Protein backbone atom coordinates (compact mmCIF):
# COMPACT_ATOMS: atom_id res chain seq x y z
CA UNK A 1 0.07 0.16 -0.01
CA UNK A 2 2.94 2.33 1.03
CA UNK A 3 4.64 1.69 -2.27
CA UNK A 4 1.35 2.39 -4.33
CA UNK A 5 1.05 5.74 -2.54
CA UNK A 6 4.54 6.47 -3.16
CA UNK A 7 4.16 5.47 -6.77
CA UNK A 8 0.97 7.21 -7.32
CA UNK A 9 2.60 10.68 -5.81
CA UNK A 10 5.49 10.42 -8.15
CA UNK A 11 3.19 10.29 -10.78
CA UNK A 12 1.38 13.17 -9.65
CA UNK A 13 4.52 15.23 -9.50
CA UNK A 14 5.35 14.31 -13.13
CA UNK A 15 2.17 15.78 -14.32
CA UNK A 16 2.57 18.67 -12.21
CA UNK A 17 5.92 19.21 -13.65
CA UNK A 18 4.72 18.63 -17.18
CA UNK A 19 2.00 21.33 -16.73
CA UNK A 20 1.87 24.28 -19.45
CA UNK A 21 -0.28 26.23 -17.27
CA UNK A 22 2.93 28.06 -15.59
CA UNK A 23 2.80 31.61 -14.63
CA UNK A 24 5.87 32.63 -17.11
CA UNK A 25 3.66 30.77 -19.65
CA UNK A 26 0.65 32.96 -19.08
CA UNK A 27 2.49 36.04 -19.05
CA UNK A 28 4.12 35.12 -22.47
CA UNK A 29 0.76 34.65 -23.90
CA UNK A 30 -0.81 37.69 -22.81
CA UNK A 31 2.31 39.73 -24.12
CA UNK A 32 1.80 37.84 -27.47
CA UNK A 33 -1.96 38.98 -27.25
CA UNK A 34 -1.31 42.69 -26.86
CA UNK A 35 1.51 42.26 -29.32
CA UNK A 36 -0.61 40.90 -32.30
CA UNK A 37 -3.25 43.44 -31.25
CA UNK A 38 -1.43 46.19 -32.70
CA UNK A 39 -0.15 44.20 -35.46
CA UNK A 40 -3.30 43.10 -36.59
CA UNK A 41 -4.87 46.62 -35.59
CA UNK A 42 -2.79 48.55 -37.45
CA UNK A 43 -2.79 46.53 -40.54
CA UNK A 44 -6.52 46.50 -40.59
CA UNK A 45 -7.11 50.10 -39.30
CA UNK A 46 -4.53 52.48 -41.00
CA UNK A 47 -6.36 52.74 -44.36
CA UNK A 48 -9.67 53.59 -42.72
CA UNK A 49 -7.88 56.17 -40.37
CA UNK A 50 -6.22 57.83 -43.70
CA UNK A 51 -9.89 58.27 -45.23
CA UNK A 52 -11.72 59.55 -42.21
CA UNK A 53 -8.99 62.45 -41.73
CA UNK A 54 -9.06 63.20 -45.52
CA UNK A 55 -5.58 61.59 -46.44
CA UNK A 56 -4.54 60.10 -49.34
CA UNK A 57 -5.97 56.43 -48.79
CA UNK A 58 -3.06 54.91 -51.89
CA UNK A 59 -0.54 55.75 -48.97
CA UNK A 60 -1.93 52.73 -47.00
CA UNK A 61 -0.49 50.56 -49.54
CA UNK A 62 2.76 51.64 -49.26
CA UNK A 63 2.91 52.21 -45.70
CA UNK A 64 1.79 48.16 -45.77
CA UNK A 65 5.01 47.50 -47.93
CA UNK A 66 7.07 49.82 -45.38
CA UNK A 67 5.71 47.70 -42.43
CA UNK A 68 6.42 44.26 -44.28
CA UNK A 69 10.06 45.39 -45.32
CA UNK A 70 11.03 46.49 -41.98
CA UNK A 71 9.26 43.19 -40.30
CA UNK A 72 11.52 41.41 -42.76
CA UNK A 73 14.34 43.01 -42.04
CA UNK A 74 13.82 42.68 -37.87
CA UNK A 75 13.27 39.03 -38.49
CA UNK A 76 16.72 38.64 -39.88
CA UNK A 77 18.17 40.74 -37.17
CA UNK A 78 16.01 39.83 -34.00
CA UNK A 79 16.61 35.72 -34.44
CA UNK A 80 20.14 35.67 -33.65
CA UNK A 81 19.92 38.52 -31.24
CA UNK A 82 17.28 36.82 -29.41
CA UNK A 83 20.11 33.51 -29.05
CA UNK A 84 23.02 35.89 -28.29
CA UNK A 85 21.59 38.79 -25.89
CA UNK A 86 18.73 37.09 -24.49
CA UNK A 87 14.78 36.73 -25.04
CA UNK A 88 13.84 39.71 -22.53
CA UNK A 89 15.87 42.33 -24.11
CA UNK A 90 14.48 41.84 -27.63
CA UNK A 91 10.86 41.45 -26.70
CA UNK A 92 11.43 44.73 -24.57
CA UNK A 93 13.18 46.50 -27.34
CA UNK A 94 10.42 45.34 -29.63
CA UNK A 95 7.55 46.67 -27.62
CA UNK A 96 9.33 49.86 -26.98
CA UNK A 97 10.04 50.47 -30.59
CA UNK A 98 6.04 49.38 -31.61
CA UNK A 99 5.16 51.85 -28.71
CA UNK A 100 7.10 54.45 -30.61
CA UNK A 101 5.51 53.82 -34.17
CA UNK A 102 2.21 54.13 -32.11
CA UNK A 103 2.60 57.31 -30.44
CA UNK A 104 4.24 59.32 -33.46
CA UNK A 105 1.29 59.41 -35.36
CA UNK A 106 -0.30 61.60 -32.74
CA UNK A 107 2.34 64.02 -33.56
CA UNK A 108 2.89 63.95 -36.99
CA UNK A 109 1.55 61.58 -39.54
CA UNK A 110 1.83 62.92 -43.28
CA UNK A 111 4.29 62.03 -45.80
CA UNK A 112 7.66 60.52 -44.64
CA UNK A 113 6.50 60.83 -41.23
CA UNK A 114 3.57 58.10 -41.65
CA UNK A 115 6.06 56.10 -43.60
CA UNK A 116 8.47 56.01 -40.52
CA UNK A 117 5.86 55.25 -37.91
CA UNK A 118 4.49 52.49 -40.11
CA UNK A 119 8.33 50.95 -40.91
CA UNK A 120 8.50 51.31 -36.56
CA UNK A 121 5.29 49.30 -36.13
CA UNK A 122 6.68 46.63 -38.19
CA UNK A 123 9.84 46.54 -36.66
CA UNK A 124 8.63 46.62 -33.29
CA UNK A 125 5.94 43.71 -34.16
CA UNK A 126 8.41 41.54 -35.80
CA UNK A 127 11.24 41.53 -32.98
CA UNK A 128 9.01 41.02 -29.82
CA UNK A 129 7.10 38.46 -31.66
CA UNK A 130 10.22 36.49 -32.96
CA UNK A 131 11.57 36.71 -29.30
CA UNK A 132 8.21 35.62 -27.73
CA UNK A 133 7.86 32.82 -29.93
CA UNK A 134 11.24 31.24 -28.44
CA UNK A 135 10.59 32.06 -25.02
CA UNK A 136 7.37 30.48 -25.40
CA UNK A 137 9.24 27.19 -26.57
CA UNK A 138 11.64 27.65 -24.01
CA UNK A 139 9.23 26.90 -21.04
CA UNK A 140 7.23 24.51 -22.49
CA UNK A 141 7.87 20.73 -21.54
CA UNK A 142 9.41 19.10 -24.54
CA UNK A 143 7.19 16.17 -24.32
CA UNK A 144 4.35 18.77 -24.83
CA UNK A 145 5.94 21.21 -27.33
CA UNK A 146 3.47 20.90 -29.98
CA UNK A 147 0.47 21.34 -27.69
CA UNK A 148 2.11 24.30 -26.06
CA UNK A 149 2.99 26.28 -29.25
CA UNK A 150 -0.79 25.40 -30.45
CA UNK A 151 -1.78 27.08 -27.18
CA UNK A 152 0.81 30.05 -27.90
CA UNK A 153 -0.93 30.66 -31.14
CA UNK A 154 -4.04 31.65 -29.49
CA UNK A 155 -2.91 34.94 -28.95
CA UNK A 156 -2.57 35.20 -32.91
CA UNK A 157 -5.91 33.83 -33.09
CA UNK A 158 -7.94 35.79 -30.58
CA UNK A 159 -6.24 39.07 -32.01
CA UNK A 160 -7.42 38.06 -35.63
CA UNK A 161 -10.91 37.86 -34.14
CA UNK A 162 -11.22 41.15 -32.25
CA UNK A 163 -8.03 42.99 -33.38
CA UNK A 164 -9.41 44.29 -36.88
CA UNK A 165 -12.80 45.16 -35.64
CA UNK A 166 -11.57 46.79 -32.40
CA UNK A 167 -9.61 48.78 -34.66
CA UNK A 168 -12.17 50.16 -36.92
CA UNK A 169 -14.38 50.67 -33.99
CA UNK A 170 -11.72 53.09 -32.34
CA UNK A 171 -11.31 54.88 -35.99
CA UNK A 172 -15.04 55.42 -36.31
CA UNK A 173 -15.10 57.59 -33.01
CA UNK A 174 -14.13 61.13 -32.67
CA UNK A 175 -11.60 61.79 -32.62
CA UNK A 176 -10.33 58.84 -34.94
CA UNK A 177 -6.76 59.28 -33.39
CA UNK A 178 -8.42 57.28 -30.74
CA UNK A 179 -7.25 54.53 -32.86
CA UNK A 180 -3.60 55.35 -32.04
CA UNK A 181 -4.17 55.78 -28.40
CA UNK A 182 -5.71 52.03 -28.42
CA UNK A 183 -2.54 51.09 -29.81
CA UNK A 184 -0.44 52.84 -27.41
CA UNK A 185 -2.20 51.25 -24.64
CA UNK A 186 -1.78 47.81 -25.90
CA UNK A 187 1.87 48.59 -26.57
CA UNK A 188 2.76 49.96 -23.13
CA UNK A 189 0.59 46.65 -21.40
CA UNK A 190 3.14 44.51 -23.83
CA UNK A 191 6.38 46.23 -22.71
CA UNK A 192 5.06 46.09 -18.87
CA UNK A 193 4.59 42.57 -19.02
CA UNK A 194 7.96 41.73 -20.96
CA UNK A 195 9.61 43.21 -17.83
CA UNK A 196 8.50 40.12 -16.00
CA UNK A 197 9.75 37.58 -18.77
CA UNK A 198 12.53 36.94 -16.17
CA UNK A 199 13.26 33.17 -16.22
CA UNK A 200 16.88 33.46 -18.22
CA UNK A 201 17.94 35.16 -14.90
CA UNK A 202 16.92 32.08 -12.78
CA UNK A 203 16.79 29.12 -15.30
CA UNK A 204 16.71 26.56 -12.23
CA UNK A 205 13.45 27.91 -11.43
CA UNK A 206 12.01 26.56 -14.87
CA UNK A 207 10.89 22.65 -14.74
CA UNK A 208 13.56 20.31 -15.64
CA UNK A 209 11.72 19.36 -18.64
CA UNK A 210 11.67 22.66 -20.28
CA UNK A 211 13.95 23.08 -23.42
CA UNK A 212 15.74 26.26 -21.60
CA UNK A 213 16.52 24.20 -18.53
CA UNK A 214 17.72 21.36 -20.48
CA UNK A 215 20.09 23.53 -22.36
CA UNK A 216 21.17 25.45 -19.36
CA UNK A 217 22.08 22.04 -17.73
CA UNK A 218 23.68 20.78 -20.75
CA UNK A 219 25.86 23.56 -20.76
CA UNK A 220 26.97 23.55 -17.24
CA UNK A 221 27.94 19.98 -17.89
CA UNK A 222 30.67 21.05 -20.60
CA UNK A 223 34.13 21.61 -19.54
CA UNK A 224 36.19 24.70 -20.99
CA UNK A 225 38.05 22.62 -23.51
CA UNK A 226 34.72 21.28 -25.14
CA UNK A 227 33.19 24.78 -25.28
CA UNK A 228 36.77 25.81 -26.95
CA UNK A 229 36.20 23.09 -29.30
CA UNK A 230 33.02 23.96 -30.25
CA UNK A 231 33.79 27.88 -31.11
CA UNK A 232 36.88 26.75 -32.84
CA UNK A 233 34.37 24.33 -35.26
CA UNK A 234 32.15 27.59 -35.52
CA UNK A 235 35.06 29.70 -36.98
CA UNK A 236 36.23 26.97 -39.20
CA UNK A 237 33.38 26.99 -41.34
CA UNK A 238 34.60 30.72 -42.67
CA UNK A 239 33.33 34.27 -42.06
CA UNK A 240 30.77 34.27 -44.63
CA UNK A 241 29.20 30.62 -43.59
CA UNK A 242 29.24 31.48 -39.86
CA UNK A 243 27.60 34.84 -40.30
CA UNK A 244 24.99 33.40 -42.39
CA UNK A 245 24.55 30.56 -39.79
CA UNK A 246 24.38 32.98 -37.01
CA UNK A 247 21.17 34.56 -39.06
CA UNK A 248 19.79 31.44 -40.21
CA UNK A 249 19.33 28.04 -38.87
CA UNK A 250 18.92 25.51 -41.74
CA UNK A 251 16.89 22.96 -39.33
CA UNK A 252 14.30 25.61 -39.41
CA UNK A 253 13.77 24.68 -43.11
CA UNK A 254 11.99 21.53 -42.16
CA UNK A 255 9.07 23.52 -40.98
CA UNK A 256 9.24 26.57 -42.85
CA UNK A 257 9.48 25.21 -46.45
CA UNK A 258 6.13 23.43 -45.88
CA UNK A 259 4.46 26.59 -44.20
CA UNK A 260 5.46 28.92 -46.94
CA UNK A 261 3.24 26.88 -49.36
CA UNK A 262 0.42 26.86 -46.84
CA UNK A 263 0.48 30.73 -46.78
CA UNK A 264 -1.08 30.62 -50.11
CA UNK A 265 -4.34 30.48 -48.36
CA UNK A 266 -3.40 32.80 -45.64
CA UNK A 267 -2.37 35.40 -48.05
CA UNK A 268 -5.57 35.29 -49.94
CA UNK A 269 -7.40 35.33 -46.64
CA UNK A 270 -5.92 38.41 -45.47
CA UNK A 271 -5.43 40.76 -48.59
CA UNK A 272 -8.27 39.65 -50.94
CA UNK A 273 -11.14 37.66 -48.73
CA UNK A 274 -12.95 41.09 -48.64
CA UNK A 275 -12.76 42.05 -52.17
CA UNK A 276 -13.62 38.36 -53.29
CA UNK A 277 -16.84 38.57 -50.85
CA UNK A 278 -18.01 41.83 -52.46
CA UNK A 279 -17.42 40.47 -55.85
CA UNK A 280 -19.97 37.61 -55.30
CA UNK A 281 -22.53 39.79 -53.53
CA UNK A 282 -21.83 38.85 -49.76
CA UNK A 283 -23.10 41.81 -47.80
CA UNK A 284 -20.91 41.10 -44.60
CA UNK A 285 -17.81 39.83 -45.65
CA UNK A 286 -16.22 40.38 -42.04
CA UNK A 287 -18.15 37.52 -40.73
CA UNK A 288 -16.21 34.95 -42.61
CA UNK A 289 -13.07 36.35 -40.59
CA UNK A 290 -15.08 36.04 -37.50
CA UNK A 291 -15.98 32.41 -38.26
CA UNK A 292 -12.46 31.39 -39.27
CA UNK A 293 -10.98 32.84 -36.05
CA UNK A 294 -13.39 30.98 -33.75
CA UNK A 295 -12.63 27.84 -35.37
CA UNK A 296 -8.93 28.38 -35.04
CA UNK A 297 -9.28 29.20 -31.24
CA UNK A 298 -11.53 25.90 -30.75
CA UNK A 299 -8.86 23.68 -32.86
CA UNK A 300 -6.01 25.14 -30.76
CA UNK A 301 -7.81 24.38 -27.35
CA UNK A 302 -8.27 21.00 -28.70
CA UNK A 303 -5.29 20.15 -30.11
CA UNK A 304 -3.50 19.14 -27.27
CA UNK A 305 -5.11 15.70 -27.12
CA UNK A 306 -3.05 14.93 -30.50
CA UNK A 307 -0.47 17.50 -31.40
CA UNK A 308 2.39 15.64 -29.59
CA UNK A 309 1.09 11.99 -29.88
CA UNK A 310 -0.02 11.89 -33.74
CA UNK A 311 2.09 11.82 -36.59
CA UNK A 312 3.02 15.60 -37.73
CA UNK A 313 2.46 14.52 -41.04
CA UNK A 314 -0.86 13.22 -40.71
CA UNK A 315 -1.82 16.57 -38.76
CA UNK A 316 -0.32 18.59 -41.97
CA UNK A 317 -2.72 16.20 -44.16
CA UNK A 318 -5.68 17.39 -42.35
CA UNK A 319 -4.51 21.02 -42.74
CA UNK A 320 -3.83 20.82 -46.23
CA UNK A 321 -6.84 18.89 -47.09
CA UNK A 322 -9.05 21.32 -44.84
CA UNK A 323 -7.53 24.07 -47.00
CA UNK A 324 -8.56 22.33 -50.27
CA UNK A 325 -12.11 22.12 -49.07
CA UNK A 326 -12.18 25.73 -47.96
CA UNK A 327 -10.95 27.14 -51.55
CA UNK A 328 -13.31 24.45 -53.34
CA UNK A 329 -16.30 25.74 -51.56
CA UNK A 330 -15.33 29.51 -52.54
CA UNK A 331 -14.35 28.53 -56.00
CA UNK A 332 -18.03 27.46 -56.32
CA UNK A 333 -19.42 30.69 -54.85
CA UNK A 334 -17.64 32.20 -57.76
CA UNK A 335 -19.94 30.22 -60.20
CA UNK A 336 -23.24 30.76 -58.28
CA UNK A 337 -25.81 33.51 -58.92
CA UNK A 338 -25.64 36.08 -56.01
CA UNK A 339 -27.80 35.00 -53.37
CA UNK A 340 -28.50 33.65 -49.79
CA UNK A 341 -26.71 30.30 -50.73
CA UNK A 342 -23.73 31.63 -52.33
CA UNK A 343 -23.31 33.86 -49.05
CA UNK A 344 -23.86 30.97 -46.96
CA UNK A 345 -21.29 28.50 -48.70
CA UNK A 346 -18.93 31.59 -48.51
CA UNK A 347 -19.14 31.76 -44.81
CA UNK A 348 -19.03 27.91 -44.36
CA UNK A 349 -15.55 27.93 -46.19
CA UNK A 350 -14.30 29.92 -43.01
CA UNK A 351 -14.81 26.97 -41.16
CA UNK A 352 -12.37 24.27 -42.96
CA UNK A 353 -10.07 27.24 -43.32
CA UNK A 354 -9.87 27.84 -39.61
CA UNK A 355 -9.09 24.15 -39.52
CA UNK A 356 -6.28 24.72 -41.96
CA UNK A 357 -4.50 27.61 -40.25
CA UNK A 358 -5.31 26.27 -36.83
CA UNK A 359 -3.30 23.25 -37.40
CA UNK A 360 -0.82 24.23 -39.91
CA UNK A 361 0.95 26.89 -38.66
CA UNK A 362 1.60 25.10 -35.03
CA UNK A 363 2.53 22.04 -36.29
CA UNK A 364 5.11 23.13 -38.74
CA UNK A 365 6.75 25.37 -36.12
CA UNK A 366 6.73 22.55 -33.75
CA UNK A 367 8.59 20.55 -36.61
CA UNK A 368 11.14 23.43 -37.08
CA UNK A 369 11.96 23.74 -33.60
CA UNK A 370 12.05 20.21 -32.63
CA UNK A 371 14.76 19.65 -35.57
CA UNK A 372 16.60 22.54 -34.18
CA UNK A 373 19.59 22.47 -31.69
CA UNK A 374 18.08 24.28 -28.34
CA UNK A 375 20.48 26.83 -28.36
CA UNK A 376 19.21 27.98 -31.94
CA UNK A 377 15.67 28.39 -31.43
CA UNK A 378 15.60 32.17 -31.87
CA UNK A 379 17.25 32.17 -35.34
CA UNK A 380 14.80 28.97 -35.81
CA UNK A 381 11.88 31.12 -34.86
CA UNK A 382 13.11 34.17 -36.72
CA UNK A 383 13.56 31.96 -40.19
CA UNK A 384 10.16 30.43 -39.62
CA UNK A 385 8.37 33.69 -39.60
CA UNK A 386 10.55 35.32 -42.39
CA UNK A 387 9.13 32.61 -44.66
CA UNK A 388 5.55 33.24 -43.61
CA UNK A 389 6.24 37.04 -43.92
CA UNK A 390 7.89 36.75 -47.45
CA UNK A 391 5.36 34.05 -48.67
CA UNK A 392 2.32 36.39 -47.67
CA UNK A 393 4.11 39.16 -49.69
CA UNK A 394 5.24 37.35 -52.63
CA UNK A 395 2.01 35.53 -53.07
CA UNK A 396 -0.23 38.61 -52.40
CA UNK A 397 1.16 40.51 -55.22
CA UNK A 398 0.54 37.24 -57.62
CA UNK A 399 -2.65 36.52 -56.40
CA UNK A 400 -3.37 40.18 -57.05
CA UNK A 401 -2.13 40.23 -60.52
CA UNK A 402 -3.98 36.80 -61.19
CA UNK A 403 -7.15 38.04 -59.90
CA UNK A 404 -7.24 40.88 -62.13
CA UNK A 405 -6.66 38.86 -65.40
CA UNK A 406 -8.54 35.73 -64.74
CA UNK A 407 -10.70 36.38 -61.69
CA UNK A 408 -10.69 35.48 -58.17
CA UNK A 409 -12.50 32.21 -58.92
CA UNK A 410 -9.91 30.71 -60.77
CA UNK A 411 -7.12 32.20 -57.99
CA UNK A 412 -9.13 29.91 -55.57
CA UNK A 413 -7.94 27.03 -57.79
CA UNK A 414 -4.41 27.85 -57.40
CA UNK A 415 -4.41 28.33 -53.95
CA UNK A 416 -5.77 24.62 -53.44
CA UNK A 417 -2.98 23.56 -55.77
CA UNK A 418 -0.74 25.22 -53.44
CA UNK A 419 -2.20 23.42 -50.59
CA UNK A 420 -1.71 20.02 -52.12
CA UNK A 421 1.79 21.07 -52.74
CA UNK A 422 2.24 22.38 -49.22
CA UNK A 423 1.38 18.80 -48.18
CA UNK A 424 3.83 17.06 -50.89
CA UNK A 425 6.71 19.31 -49.36
CA UNK A 426 5.70 18.36 -45.87
CA UNK A 427 6.43 14.70 -47.28
CA UNK A 428 9.84 15.55 -48.13
CA UNK A 429 10.99 18.03 -45.50
CA UNK A 430 9.57 16.16 -42.41
CA UNK A 431 11.97 13.56 -40.59
CA UNK A 432 11.15 10.07 -41.65
CA UNK A 433 11.64 8.83 -37.98
CA UNK A 434 10.27 11.02 -35.14
CA UNK A 435 12.54 13.63 -34.38
CA UNK A 436 14.26 13.58 -30.69
CA UNK A 437 12.71 16.41 -28.40
CA UNK A 438 14.27 19.35 -28.54
CA UNK A 439 16.44 18.66 -32.10
CA UNK A 440 18.64 16.46 -33.52
CA UNK A 441 21.59 15.52 -31.36
CA UNK A 442 24.76 16.30 -33.77
């Protein structure tokens, strides 16, 4: 009886150590939510703000380009800086830059100043989210990493559900500059919360199964001679190769390549779904986004039951298959006469697409992280998210061109083909055997 009680107690302790709901993870989730609210809000509300103040609405497109370019550059820099300088400092600096980008428009918001603020918003958002994704992976138990990354994505899903609507609501108030006050408030909260992400100063406070704690323990076991050997191996690669490897983690491509093709649907969803809905006579295209976001939230809440136990390729297959169904539905709406049935089918497409994004991004991020060395998770997340940014930018241009030439119905077919290619690329890129937790040993 006593042995059974001890065994039961040990089992309870292990479950407690494997818990995801640690205080530091909750702080990271809240910081992520506030950061994505600013990113989603500024992207959705800027054009409406310019229209309300009588500015040139075409500036919104140039501003979006400045946001994207600054975000891409920040991804390249913030990934290695997260590994070398620490997670908290990059999150704090990113939130501070984002705060400057939100406060600046209240002082001057015309011409070059407008473009500067958009660039600061993109750079700050990108730096903060790269470091936050790395911090989330640090504090999650490796045995539940995929599940935890799914929960981490809740901040993105919730911000997609309420961020654009909240931004447009604030722009519609008097004065419309309340929009930037709201972005400032979220930036201040994110900056304040980032001050509490202090686990790097006390790694031993983390559970023993967390990635950062395991890396800390492994580093302590290395003697000085071994560390010098590792440093010399890095120098022997050559200056150019060594510099590139500091910025890019090649093993992240295992997840970055499939998610880039998956972004075919994401880019269409962000930039053209409203226009497509209007073209087929849908009166309220915004409802599609709400349905999609709700499904994403539900999927990420229930995915913990299988995210780390089911084969990654099977989860990716469900994601890509759901994407094909979503864009097949949208294609058929383009063939139907405008009416209630076509509108209902349009809204229904948000359900499978929510499944596609709710599974696709977390599983590919989990593959990228698990395949990479633990001390390179900053560069891994930087490259992973850069692949999403670049794919969204390039594909949005392609879909806009094809949409104007052959119509968005034909574009839906192209997006469906990209979903199939995303699965085929996963078939080639995913490890043939189950990847060791936290990365492949060299």
